[in-house]
N, C-alpha and C. Protein backbone atom coordinates (compact mmCIF):
# COMPACT_ATOMS: atom_id res chain seq x y z
N MET A 1 -12.89 11.78 -12.46
CA MET A 1 -11.33 10.99 -11.94
C MET A 1 -12.26 9.60 -11.33
N ILE A 2 -10.88 8.69 -11.82
CA ILE A 2 -10.74 7.24 -11.26
C ILE A 2 -10.76 7.16 -9.74
N ALA A 3 -11.13 6.94 -9.34
CA ALA A 3 -11.15 6.71 -7.27
C ALA A 3 -11.65 5.18 -7.03
N TYR A 4 -11.18 4.96 -5.70
CA TYR A 4 -11.72 3.43 -5.19
C TYR A 4 -12.41 4.17 -3.69
N LYS A 5 -13.04 3.38 -3.79
CA LYS A 5 -14.30 3.22 -2.81
C LYS A 5 -14.30 1.98 -1.81
N ALA A 6 -14.14 2.25 -0.31
CA ALA A 6 -14.72 0.86 0.50
C ALA A 6 -15.48 1.32 1.52
N PHE A 7 -16.27 0.21 1.28
CA PHE A 7 -17.89 0.41 2.27
C PHE A 7 -18.27 -0.76 3.33
N GLN A 8 -19.08 -0.56 3.79
CA GLN A 8 -19.67 -1.92 4.69
C GLN A 8 -20.28 -2.72 3.91
N GLN A 9 -20.73 -4.14 3.97
CA GLN A 9 -21.38 -4.73 3.80
C GLN A 9 -22.78 -3.78 3.01
N GLY A 10 -23.53 -4.04 1.45
CA GLY A 10 -24.20 -3.35 1.38
C GLY A 10 -24.07 -2.05 1.15
N LEU A 11 -22.85 -1.57 0.35
CA LEU A 11 -22.65 -0.39 -0.76
C LEU A 11 -22.87 0.98 1.11
N ILE A 12 -22.56 0.44 2.19
CA ILE A 12 -23.17 1.38 3.49
C ILE A 12 -21.78 1.91 3.83
N CYS A 13 -21.54 3.16 4.08
CA CYS A 13 -20.29 4.09 4.84
C CYS A 13 -21.11 5.44 5.75
N LEU A 14 -20.24 5.31 7.14
CA LEU A 14 -21.07 6.44 7.74
C LEU A 14 -22.51 6.28 7.83
N GLU A 15 -23.31 5.60 7.63
CA GLU A 15 -24.33 5.27 7.84
C GLU A 15 -25.27 5.29 6.53
N TYR A 16 -25.09 6.00 5.66
CA TYR A 16 -25.07 6.15 4.34
C TYR A 16 -25.42 5.35 3.57
N LYS A 17 -26.10 5.01 2.91
CA LYS A 17 -26.68 3.81 2.12
C LYS A 17 -26.29 4.50 0.73
N PHE A 18 -25.32 4.08 -0.17
CA PHE A 18 -25.21 4.03 -1.58
C PHE A 18 -25.84 3.61 -2.43
N LYS A 19 -26.22 4.11 -3.56
CA LYS A 19 -26.42 2.91 -4.46
C LYS A 19 -25.32 3.06 -5.81
N MET A 20 -25.33 1.57 -6.44
CA MET A 20 -24.73 1.26 -7.86
C MET A 20 -24.94 2.93 -8.55
N GLY A 21 -24.28 3.47 -9.56
CA GLY A 21 -24.44 4.25 -10.31
C GLY A 21 -24.06 5.90 -9.95
N LEU A 22 -25.05 6.84 -9.76
CA LEU A 22 -24.50 8.17 -9.43
C LEU A 22 -25.22 8.58 -7.58
N ASN A 23 -24.56 9.43 -7.36
CA ASN A 23 -25.11 9.54 -5.65
C ASN A 23 -24.73 10.87 -6.03
N ARG A 24 -25.47 11.67 -5.05
CA ARG A 24 -25.13 13.55 -4.89
C ARG A 24 -24.86 13.77 -3.38
N THR A 25 -24.26 14.85 -3.10
CA THR A 25 -24.40 15.56 -2.14
C THR A 25 -24.05 16.65 -2.01
N ASP A 26 -24.43 18.05 -1.45
CA ASP A 26 -24.16 19.00 -1.47
C ASP A 26 -22.70 19.82 -1.10
N LYS A 27 -21.71 18.87 -0.01
CA LYS A 27 -20.56 19.69 -0.04
C LYS A 27 -19.54 18.32 0.20
N ALA A 28 -18.29 19.57 -0.38
CA ALA A 28 -17.44 18.57 -0.27
C ALA A 28 -16.16 18.85 -0.06
N ASN A 29 -15.81 18.66 1.76
CA ASN A 29 -14.73 18.89 2.41
C ASN A 29 -13.69 18.00 3.16
N CYS A 30 -12.88 17.45 2.85
CA CYS A 30 -12.24 16.40 3.20
C CYS A 30 -11.86 16.18 4.68
N ARG A 31 -12.17 16.98 4.94
CA ARG A 31 -12.17 17.08 6.73
C ARG A 31 -13.30 17.12 7.35
N GLN A 32 -14.51 17.31 6.81
CA GLN A 32 -15.84 17.19 7.48
C GLN A 32 -17.18 16.59 6.66
N ASN A 33 -16.89 16.62 5.21
CA ASN A 33 -18.17 15.75 4.55
C ASN A 33 -18.02 15.76 3.38
N GLY A 34 -18.95 15.11 2.43
CA GLY A 34 -18.91 15.00 1.09
C GLY A 34 -18.63 13.71 0.99
N PHE A 35 -18.78 13.24 -0.62
CA PHE A 35 -18.30 11.42 -0.44
C PHE A 35 -16.62 11.41 -0.25
N HIS A 36 -16.56 10.53 0.23
CA HIS A 36 -14.47 9.96 0.44
C HIS A 36 -14.25 8.98 -0.26
N CYS A 37 -13.21 8.95 -1.24
CA CYS A 37 -12.73 8.22 -1.47
C CYS A 37 -11.39 8.35 -1.82
N ALA A 38 -10.59 7.51 -2.70
CA ALA A 38 -9.14 7.60 -2.71
C ALA A 38 -8.29 7.35 -3.76
N GLU A 39 -7.34 8.48 -4.57
CA GLU A 39 -6.77 8.20 -6.15
C GLU A 39 -5.94 6.31 -5.56
N ASN A 40 -5.46 6.32 -4.51
CA ASN A 40 -5.11 4.65 -4.48
C ASN A 40 -5.77 3.67 -3.87
N PRO A 41 -6.22 2.97 -4.41
CA PRO A 41 -6.81 1.72 -3.91
C PRO A 41 -6.56 1.23 -2.21
N LEU A 42 -5.37 1.22 -2.54
CA LEU A 42 -4.33 0.42 -1.01
C LEU A 42 -5.18 1.26 -0.21
N ASP A 43 -5.29 2.77 -0.31
CA ASP A 43 -5.31 3.64 1.16
C ASP A 43 -6.77 3.39 1.59
N CYS A 44 -7.77 2.72 0.82
CA CYS A 44 -9.24 2.27 1.78
C CYS A 44 -8.80 1.30 2.74
N LEU A 45 -7.68 0.57 2.12
CA LEU A 45 -7.51 -0.01 3.76
C LEU A 45 -7.57 0.52 4.95
N THR A 46 -6.78 1.67 5.14
CA THR A 46 -6.52 2.43 6.27
C THR A 46 -8.18 2.68 6.67
N TYR A 47 -9.05 2.87 6.26
CA TYR A 47 -10.40 3.27 6.51
C TYR A 47 -11.43 1.80 6.88
N TYR A 48 -11.01 0.63 5.94
CA TYR A 48 -11.60 -0.37 6.26
C TYR A 48 -10.98 -1.22 6.11
N PRO A 49 -10.40 -1.71 7.27
CA PRO A 49 -9.54 -2.81 6.62
C PRO A 49 -9.57 -4.34 6.70
N ASP A 50 -10.81 -4.66 7.33
CA ASP A 50 -11.41 -5.84 7.16
C ASP A 50 -12.18 -6.54 5.68
N MET A 51 -10.95 -7.17 5.31
CA MET A 51 -11.35 -7.37 3.54
C MET A 51 -12.86 -8.29 4.03
N GLU A 52 -13.22 -8.93 5.11
CA GLU A 52 -14.40 -10.30 5.04
C GLU A 52 -15.32 -9.28 4.92
N SER A 53 -15.74 -8.18 6.01
CA SER A 53 -16.75 -7.24 5.95
C SER A 53 -17.39 -6.20 5.16
N SER A 54 -16.02 -5.79 4.60
CA SER A 54 -15.72 -4.67 3.08
C SER A 54 -16.37 -4.88 2.32
N GLU A 55 -16.58 -3.74 1.41
CA GLU A 55 -16.70 -4.32 -0.14
C GLU A 55 -15.74 -2.70 -0.52
N TYR A 56 -15.11 -3.23 -1.86
CA TYR A 56 -14.43 -2.35 -2.20
C TYR A 56 -14.93 -2.47 -4.14
N CYS A 57 -15.01 -0.88 -4.39
CA CYS A 57 -15.10 -0.09 -5.77
C CYS A 57 -14.64 0.43 -6.45
N ILE A 58 -14.71 0.73 -7.42
CA ILE A 58 -13.79 1.27 -8.31
C ILE A 58 -15.12 2.33 -8.67
N VAL A 59 -14.63 3.95 -8.26
CA VAL A 59 -15.87 4.95 -8.52
C VAL A 59 -15.04 5.86 -9.32
N SER A 60 -16.35 6.86 -9.79
CA SER A 60 -16.15 7.92 -10.47
C SER A 60 -16.21 9.06 -9.48
N ALA A 61 -15.15 9.67 -9.28
CA ALA A 61 -15.80 10.99 -8.34
C ALA A 61 -15.89 12.67 -9.20
N GLY A 62 -16.71 12.87 -9.02
CA GLY A 62 -17.10 14.39 -9.89
C GLY A 62 -17.49 15.77 -8.90
N GLY A 63 -18.24 16.66 -9.96
CA GLY A 63 -18.66 17.78 -8.87
C GLY A 63 -17.13 18.30 -8.44
N ASP A 64 -17.96 19.23 -7.41
CA ASP A 64 -16.96 19.71 -6.05
C ASP A 64 -15.68 18.65 -5.83
N ILE A 65 -14.62 18.78 -6.07
CA ILE A 65 -13.83 17.84 -5.29
C ILE A 65 -12.59 18.86 -4.26
N ASP A 66 -12.40 17.90 -3.01
CA ASP A 66 -11.71 18.75 -1.96
C ASP A 66 -10.69 17.22 -1.77
N GLU A 67 -9.61 18.15 -1.40
CA GLU A 67 -8.08 17.17 -0.82
C GLU A 67 -7.53 17.49 -0.11
N ASP A 68 -7.27 16.69 0.98
CA ASP A 68 -5.91 16.85 1.87
C ASP A 68 -4.79 16.58 1.97
N ASP A 69 -4.00 16.31 3.06
CA ASP A 69 -2.88 15.75 3.16
C ASP A 69 -2.66 14.66 3.43
N VAL A 70 -3.77 13.99 3.82
CA VAL A 70 -3.78 12.67 4.30
C VAL A 70 -3.86 11.62 3.30
N ASP A 71 -3.15 10.38 2.86
CA ASP A 71 -3.03 9.89 2.21
C ASP A 71 -3.54 10.20 0.44
N SER A 72 -3.87 9.54 -0.10
CA SER A 72 -4.79 9.75 -1.08
C SER A 72 -6.28 10.44 -1.30
N LYS A 73 -6.33 10.51 -0.09
CA LYS A 73 -8.08 10.54 0.20
C LYS A 73 -8.43 11.99 -0.35
N ILE A 74 -9.80 11.48 -0.57
CA ILE A 74 -10.60 12.75 -1.54
C ILE A 74 -11.99 13.18 -1.11
N SER A 75 -12.36 14.35 -1.22
CA SER A 75 -13.86 14.04 -1.35
C SER A 75 -14.79 15.06 -2.12
N CYS A 76 -16.15 14.60 -2.65
CA CYS A 76 -16.66 14.93 -3.97
C CYS A 76 -18.00 15.24 -3.72
N THR A 77 -18.79 15.79 -4.05
CA THR A 77 -19.98 16.15 -4.51
C THR A 77 -20.67 15.05 -4.98
N GLU A 78 -20.19 14.35 -6.32
CA GLU A 78 -20.65 13.62 -6.64
C GLU A 78 -19.90 12.17 -7.11
N LEU A 79 -20.35 11.09 -6.73
CA LEU A 79 -19.71 9.58 -7.14
C LEU A 79 -20.21 9.11 -7.34
N THR A 80 -19.88 8.20 -8.68
CA THR A 80 -20.52 7.51 -9.26
C THR A 80 -19.92 5.74 -9.19
N VAL A 81 -20.78 5.09 -8.15
CA VAL A 81 -20.41 3.67 -8.05
C VAL A 81 -20.32 3.10 -9.14
N LEU A 82 -18.98 2.39 -9.91
CA LEU A 82 -19.20 2.12 -11.43
C LEU A 82 -19.17 0.18 -11.18
N LYS A 83 -17.97 -0.03 -10.37
CA LYS A 83 -18.17 -2.02 -10.22
C LYS A 83 -17.55 -2.44 -8.70
N LYS A 84 -18.07 -3.17 -8.46
CA LYS A 84 -17.56 -3.77 -7.06
C LYS A 84 -16.57 -4.51 -7.86
N LEU A 85 -15.44 -4.75 -6.88
CA LEU A 85 -14.12 -5.41 -6.98
C LEU A 85 -13.83 -6.69 -6.42
N THR A 86 -13.80 -8.04 -6.77
CA THR A 86 -13.21 -8.85 -6.19
C THR A 86 -11.89 -8.44 -5.17
N ARG A 87 -11.57 -9.32 -4.49
CA ARG A 87 -10.21 -8.93 -3.67
C ARG A 87 -9.14 -9.61 -4.42
N ARG A 88 -9.13 -9.80 -5.55
CA ARG A 88 -8.16 -10.07 -6.41
C ARG A 88 -7.62 -8.83 -6.99
N GLU A 89 -9.20 -8.44 -7.79
CA GLU A 89 -9.23 -7.05 -8.43
C GLU A 89 -8.98 -5.80 -7.63
N PHE A 90 -9.19 -5.85 -6.60
CA PHE A 90 -8.84 -4.65 -5.93
C PHE A 90 -7.19 -4.52 -5.76
N PHE A 91 -6.45 -5.61 -5.28
CA PHE A 91 -5.38 -5.74 -5.32
C PHE A 91 -4.30 -5.59 -6.52
N LEU A 92 -4.79 -6.22 -7.78
CA LEU A 92 -4.30 -5.96 -8.91
C LEU A 92 -4.50 -4.18 -9.25
N HIS A 93 -5.37 -3.49 -9.11
CA HIS A 93 -5.49 -2.11 -9.08
C HIS A 93 -4.58 -1.57 -8.24
N GLY A 94 -3.92 -1.94 -6.94
CA GLY A 94 -3.11 -1.48 -6.69
C GLY A 94 -2.22 -1.24 -6.73
N LEU A 95 -1.44 -2.87 -7.65
CA LEU A 95 -0.11 -2.95 -8.44
C LEU A 95 -0.28 -1.66 -9.44
N ALA A 96 -1.28 -1.74 -10.21
CA ALA A 96 -1.48 -0.86 -11.31
C ALA A 96 -1.11 0.58 -10.86
N PHE A 97 -1.23 1.02 -10.01
CA PHE A 97 -1.23 2.32 -9.23
C PHE A 97 -0.20 2.73 -9.17
N MET A 98 0.58 1.78 -7.94
CA MET A 98 1.99 1.43 -8.38
C MET A 98 2.94 2.15 -9.78
N ALA A 99 2.36 1.12 -10.35
CA ALA A 99 3.20 1.03 -11.63
C ALA A 99 2.86 2.16 -12.61
N ASP A 100 1.63 3.05 -12.39
CA ASP A 100 1.39 4.39 -13.02
C ASP A 100 1.96 5.60 -12.47
N HIS A 101 2.08 5.20 -11.11
CA HIS A 101 2.68 6.49 -10.28
C HIS A 101 3.68 6.03 -9.55
N PRO A 102 4.69 5.75 -9.64
CA PRO A 102 6.12 5.20 -9.26
C PRO A 102 6.92 5.90 -8.30
N LEU A 103 7.04 6.92 -8.53
CA LEU A 103 7.26 8.00 -7.53
C LEU A 103 6.51 8.45 -6.76
N ARG A 104 5.39 8.36 -6.25
CA ARG A 104 4.27 8.83 -5.22
C ARG A 104 4.84 8.64 -4.24
N GLU A 105 4.39 9.12 -3.39
CA GLU A 105 4.50 8.71 -1.92
C GLU A 105 4.25 7.18 -1.72
N TRP A 106 4.78 6.43 -0.86
CA TRP A 106 3.79 4.68 -1.15
C TRP A 106 2.41 4.71 -0.18
N SER A 107 1.55 3.74 -0.24
CA SER A 107 0.62 3.81 0.77
C SER A 107 1.54 3.14 2.01
N SER A 108 0.66 3.38 3.23
CA SER A 108 1.33 2.64 4.16
C SER A 108 1.33 1.31 4.41
N HIS A 109 0.30 1.02 3.59
CA HIS A 109 -0.19 -0.58 3.71
C HIS A 109 0.99 -1.47 2.36
N VAL A 110 1.65 -0.92 2.04
CA VAL A 110 2.58 -1.33 0.82
C VAL A 110 3.92 -1.42 2.24
N LYS A 111 4.30 -2.67 2.36
CA LYS A 111 5.72 -3.33 2.75
C LYS A 111 7.22 -2.65 1.83
N LYS A 112 8.25 -2.71 2.35
CA LYS A 112 9.58 -2.50 1.87
C LYS A 112 10.42 -3.60 1.90
N ASP A 113 10.45 -4.83 0.53
CA ASP A 113 11.49 -5.48 0.71
C ASP A 113 10.96 -7.01 0.61
N ARG A 114 9.91 -6.59 1.88
CA ARG A 114 9.84 -8.47 2.37
C ARG A 114 8.50 -8.18 3.19
N ALA A 115 7.17 -8.33 3.30
CA ALA A 115 6.14 -9.06 3.99
C ALA A 115 5.58 -9.94 4.44
N GLU A 116 5.32 -10.07 5.57
CA GLU A 116 4.38 -11.39 5.94
C GLU A 116 2.70 -10.88 5.58
N ALA A 117 1.61 -11.74 4.80
CA ALA A 117 0.63 -11.17 5.27
C ALA A 117 -0.31 -10.99 6.78
N ARG A 118 -0.64 -9.63 6.64
CA ARG A 118 -1.69 -9.80 7.58
C ARG A 118 -2.91 -9.18 7.30
N GLY A 119 -3.97 -9.99 8.06
CA GLY A 119 -5.37 -9.26 7.65
C GLY A 119 -6.05 -10.10 6.15
N GLY A 120 -5.08 -10.96 5.57
CA GLY A 120 -5.09 -11.46 4.64
C GLY A 120 -4.98 -11.26 3.11
N TYR A 121 -3.99 -10.19 3.40
CA TYR A 121 -2.94 -9.69 2.33
C TYR A 121 -1.67 -9.89 3.09
N ALA A 122 -0.29 -9.27 2.02
CA ALA A 122 0.59 -8.43 2.03
C ALA A 122 1.30 -8.23 0.69
N VAL A 123 1.02 -7.02 0.69
CA VAL A 123 1.97 -5.76 -0.36
C VAL A 123 3.05 -5.26 -0.19
N VAL A 124 3.75 -6.02 -1.28
CA VAL A 124 5.52 -5.78 -1.30
C VAL A 124 5.96 -4.97 -1.97
N ARG A 125 7.26 -4.15 -2.10
CA ARG A 125 7.51 -3.64 -3.11
C ARG A 125 9.43 -3.75 -2.82
N GLY A 126 9.64 -3.51 -3.91
CA GLY A 126 11.27 -3.69 -3.43
C GLY A 126 12.29 -3.83 -4.82
N MET A 127 13.50 -3.81 -4.89
CA MET A 127 14.51 -4.12 -6.29
C MET A 127 13.90 -5.44 -6.19
N ASP A 128 14.00 -6.56 -5.17
CA ASP A 128 14.11 -8.30 -4.80
C ASP A 128 12.83 -8.66 -3.87
N PRO A 129 11.56 -8.07 -4.37
CA PRO A 129 10.47 -8.49 -3.16
C PRO A 129 10.08 -10.03 -3.05
N VAL A 130 9.60 -10.45 -1.97
CA VAL A 130 9.63 -11.18 -1.75
C VAL A 130 8.47 -11.36 -0.45
N ALA A 131 7.53 -12.41 -0.28
CA ALA A 131 6.36 -12.24 0.74
C ALA A 131 5.92 -13.44 1.17
N LYS A 132 5.27 -13.85 1.63
CA LYS A 132 4.34 -15.29 2.10
C LYS A 132 3.31 -14.99 2.91
N GLY A 133 2.74 -16.01 2.98
CA GLY A 133 0.47 -15.91 3.43
C GLY A 133 0.63 -17.23 4.24
N GLU A 134 -0.77 -17.38 4.64
CA GLU A 134 -1.47 -18.69 4.77
C GLU A 134 -2.46 -18.74 3.86
N MET A 135 -3.07 -19.54 3.81
CA MET A 135 -4.29 -20.43 3.18
C MET A 135 -5.05 -19.07 2.46
N GLY A 136 -5.26 -18.89 1.22
CA GLY A 136 -6.38 -17.65 1.54
C GLY A 136 -6.01 -16.44 1.33
N ASP A 137 -4.75 -16.23 1.89
CA ASP A 137 -4.06 -15.01 1.75
C ASP A 137 -3.83 -14.57 0.33
N ILE A 138 -3.69 -13.35 -0.38
CA ILE A 138 -3.39 -12.52 -1.25
C ILE A 138 -1.72 -11.84 -1.52
N LEU A 139 -1.11 -12.68 -1.71
CA LEU A 139 0.29 -11.70 -2.00
C LEU A 139 0.41 -10.94 -3.36
N ALA A 140 0.97 -9.38 -3.31
CA ALA A 140 1.01 -8.72 -4.59
C ALA A 140 2.11 -8.11 -4.21
N LEU A 141 3.26 -8.35 -5.50
CA LEU A 141 4.58 -8.52 -5.23
C LEU A 141 5.00 -7.01 -6.07
N ALA A 142 5.77 -5.77 -6.02
CA ALA A 142 6.22 -5.01 -7.28
C ALA A 142 7.83 -4.75 -6.62
N ARG A 143 7.90 -5.17 -8.24
CA ARG A 143 9.51 -5.10 -8.57
C ARG A 143 10.41 -3.36 -9.00
N GLU A 144 10.89 -2.93 -8.45
CA GLU A 144 11.23 -1.75 -8.62
C GLU A 144 12.86 -1.79 -9.47
N ASN A 145 12.90 -0.68 -10.27
CA ASN A 145 14.10 -0.25 -10.91
C ASN A 145 15.32 -0.22 -10.43
N ALA A 146 16.10 -0.47 -9.88
CA ALA A 146 17.31 0.02 -8.41
C ALA A 146 17.56 1.86 -9.44
N GLU A 147 17.52 2.01 -9.85
CA GLU A 147 18.13 3.69 -10.40
C GLU A 147 16.81 4.11 -10.82
N THR A 148 15.75 4.16 -11.10
CA THR A 148 14.40 5.25 -11.59
C THR A 148 13.38 5.07 -10.73
N GLY A 149 13.42 3.35 -9.81
CA GLY A 149 12.25 3.39 -8.98
C GLY A 149 11.03 3.30 -9.46
N THR A 150 11.03 2.78 -10.83
CA THR A 150 9.87 2.59 -11.62
C THR A 150 9.90 1.41 -11.41
N ILE A 151 8.39 0.65 -11.74
CA ILE A 151 8.07 -0.52 -11.34
C ILE A 151 8.21 -1.45 -12.72
N GLU A 152 8.84 -2.38 -12.30
CA GLU A 152 9.66 -3.01 -13.96
C GLU A 152 8.06 -4.60 -13.81
N GLN A 153 8.42 -5.21 -12.83
CA GLN A 153 7.48 -6.62 -12.94
C GLN A 153 6.62 -6.28 -11.50
N VAL A 154 5.51 -6.80 -11.33
CA VAL A 154 4.48 -6.96 -10.55
C VAL A 154 4.24 -8.60 -10.72
N ALA A 155 3.31 -9.33 -9.59
CA ALA A 155 2.83 -10.37 -9.38
C ALA A 155 1.78 -10.10 -8.71
N LEU A 156 0.81 -10.70 -8.80
CA LEU A 156 -0.40 -11.59 -8.03
C LEU A 156 -0.77 -12.53 -7.80
N THR A 157 -0.92 -13.54 -6.52
CA THR A 157 -0.76 -14.88 -6.36
C THR A 157 -1.96 -14.57 -5.03
N SER A 158 -2.65 -15.31 -4.60
CA SER A 158 -2.98 -16.25 -3.99
C SER A 158 -2.46 -17.41 -3.05
N VAL A 159 -2.34 -18.04 -1.87
CA VAL A 159 -1.67 -18.52 -0.77
C VAL A 159 -2.72 -19.81 -1.30
N ASP A 160 -2.35 -20.58 -2.45
CA ASP A 160 -3.73 -22.21 -2.35
C ASP A 160 -3.38 -23.50 -1.76
N GLY A 161 -1.92 -23.51 -1.78
CA GLY A 161 -1.55 -24.90 -1.00
C GLY A 161 -1.80 -25.89 -1.93
N ALA A 162 -1.31 -25.43 -3.46
CA ALA A 162 -0.92 -26.29 -4.47
C ALA A 162 0.44 -25.40 -5.54
N ASP A 163 -0.17 -24.05 -5.77
CA ASP A 163 0.87 -23.87 -6.43
C ASP A 163 1.71 -22.57 -5.54
N ILE A 164 1.49 -22.28 -4.57
CA ILE A 164 1.62 -21.18 -3.42
C ILE A 164 1.51 -21.92 -2.32
N MET A 165 2.64 -21.95 -1.16
CA MET A 165 2.57 -22.99 0.01
C MET A 165 1.95 -22.23 1.12
N PRO A 166 1.61 -22.44 1.96
CA PRO A 166 1.30 -21.47 2.97
C PRO A 166 3.11 -21.41 3.84
N GLY A 167 3.17 -20.60 4.67
CA GLY A 167 4.63 -20.37 5.49
C GLY A 167 5.56 -20.02 4.44
N ARG A 168 5.68 -19.85 3.20
CA ARG A 168 7.05 -20.19 2.28
C ARG A 168 6.80 -18.55 1.90
N TRP A 169 8.35 -18.36 1.27
CA TRP A 169 8.47 -16.79 0.97
C TRP A 169 8.54 -16.98 -0.49
N TYR A 170 7.92 -15.97 -1.69
CA TYR A 170 7.88 -16.22 -3.38
C TYR A 170 8.33 -14.64 -3.45
N ASP A 171 9.26 -15.07 -4.56
CA ASP A 171 9.90 -13.62 -4.92
C ASP A 171 8.60 -13.32 -6.22
N VAL A 172 8.30 -11.84 -6.96
CA VAL A 172 7.88 -11.55 -8.11
C VAL A 172 8.04 -12.74 -9.54
N ASN A 173 8.65 -13.45 -9.62
CA ASN A 173 8.29 -14.69 -10.45
C ASN A 173 7.38 -15.81 -9.74
N LEU A 174 6.91 -15.54 -8.59
CA LEU A 174 5.94 -16.59 -7.61
C LEU A 174 6.89 -17.73 -7.87
N LYS A 175 8.28 -18.00 -7.38
CA LYS A 175 8.93 -18.85 -7.25
C LYS A 175 9.46 -18.49 -5.51
N GLU A 176 9.47 -19.95 -5.12
CA GLU A 176 9.79 -19.91 -3.87
C GLU A 176 11.11 -19.48 -3.48
N ARG A 177 11.38 -18.67 -2.00
CA ARG A 177 12.90 -18.42 -1.90
C ARG A 177 12.96 -18.53 -0.35
N GLN A 178 14.17 -19.11 -0.52
CA GLN A 178 14.56 -18.72 1.41
C GLN A 178 15.29 -17.58 1.89
N VAL A 179 14.61 -17.35 2.61
CA VAL A 179 14.90 -15.49 3.26
C VAL A 179 15.39 -15.36 4.75
N LEU A 180 16.58 -15.25 4.73
CA LEU A 180 17.34 -15.04 6.12
C LEU A 180 16.55 -13.85 6.91
N LEU A 181 16.15 -14.50 7.90
CA LEU A 181 15.38 -13.02 8.79
C LEU A 181 16.78 -12.80 9.81
N LEU A 182 16.38 -11.52 10.08
CA LEU A 182 17.32 -10.35 9.99
C LEU A 182 17.54 -9.98 11.75
C-alpha cells in the first residue's frame, strides 16, 4: 500500500535510522510499535510540522498492517522508503489525495474556504478557496463541486514575489483576489 512518512533529517524517526528501500520490524500496533506512516500525506504534518527540519517520503507499507482511529495513520512491519519528496511534491501528493478521496475526513491541516500560510504553507479547500502567504510559502488550493463535494480543480504555487506576491490573496486560478475579513 502506498503511504507517506515524515522523518527527522537523515531518515530518522524516534531514534531509528531508516534506509532507502526495505526496512523490517517484528510488530505493528498503531498505538505502541511498528513503522508508522499515513495514507494522507498531510497527516504527516501532525507528527513532523517543521518543514525545514523534516524530510517527507513516499513509502510502501507492507507485512502486518494496523490502523487506529487517529487521522490516516497506520503501523506496519515492512516499510519501503521509495522516494524523498520536495516540498512542492509533498503538497501535490496532498492535493491528489484530496482529489482521489474527496469524501474522506479532511486532514486537520486543511482549512475551509480561506487560509493564511503558517509554518511555510497553506492548504485550503472549498467552493471558492483563497490563500495568502509570505515569501517562500507554498499555497495549495482545491476547489470543490458544491453538490458532490468532489474536487474539480487544484492549484499549487509558491509565493515568489514575481507572479505570486506576499500578503495578497489568490484563488485556485492563481488570480489575485480582494477578500473581506469578517
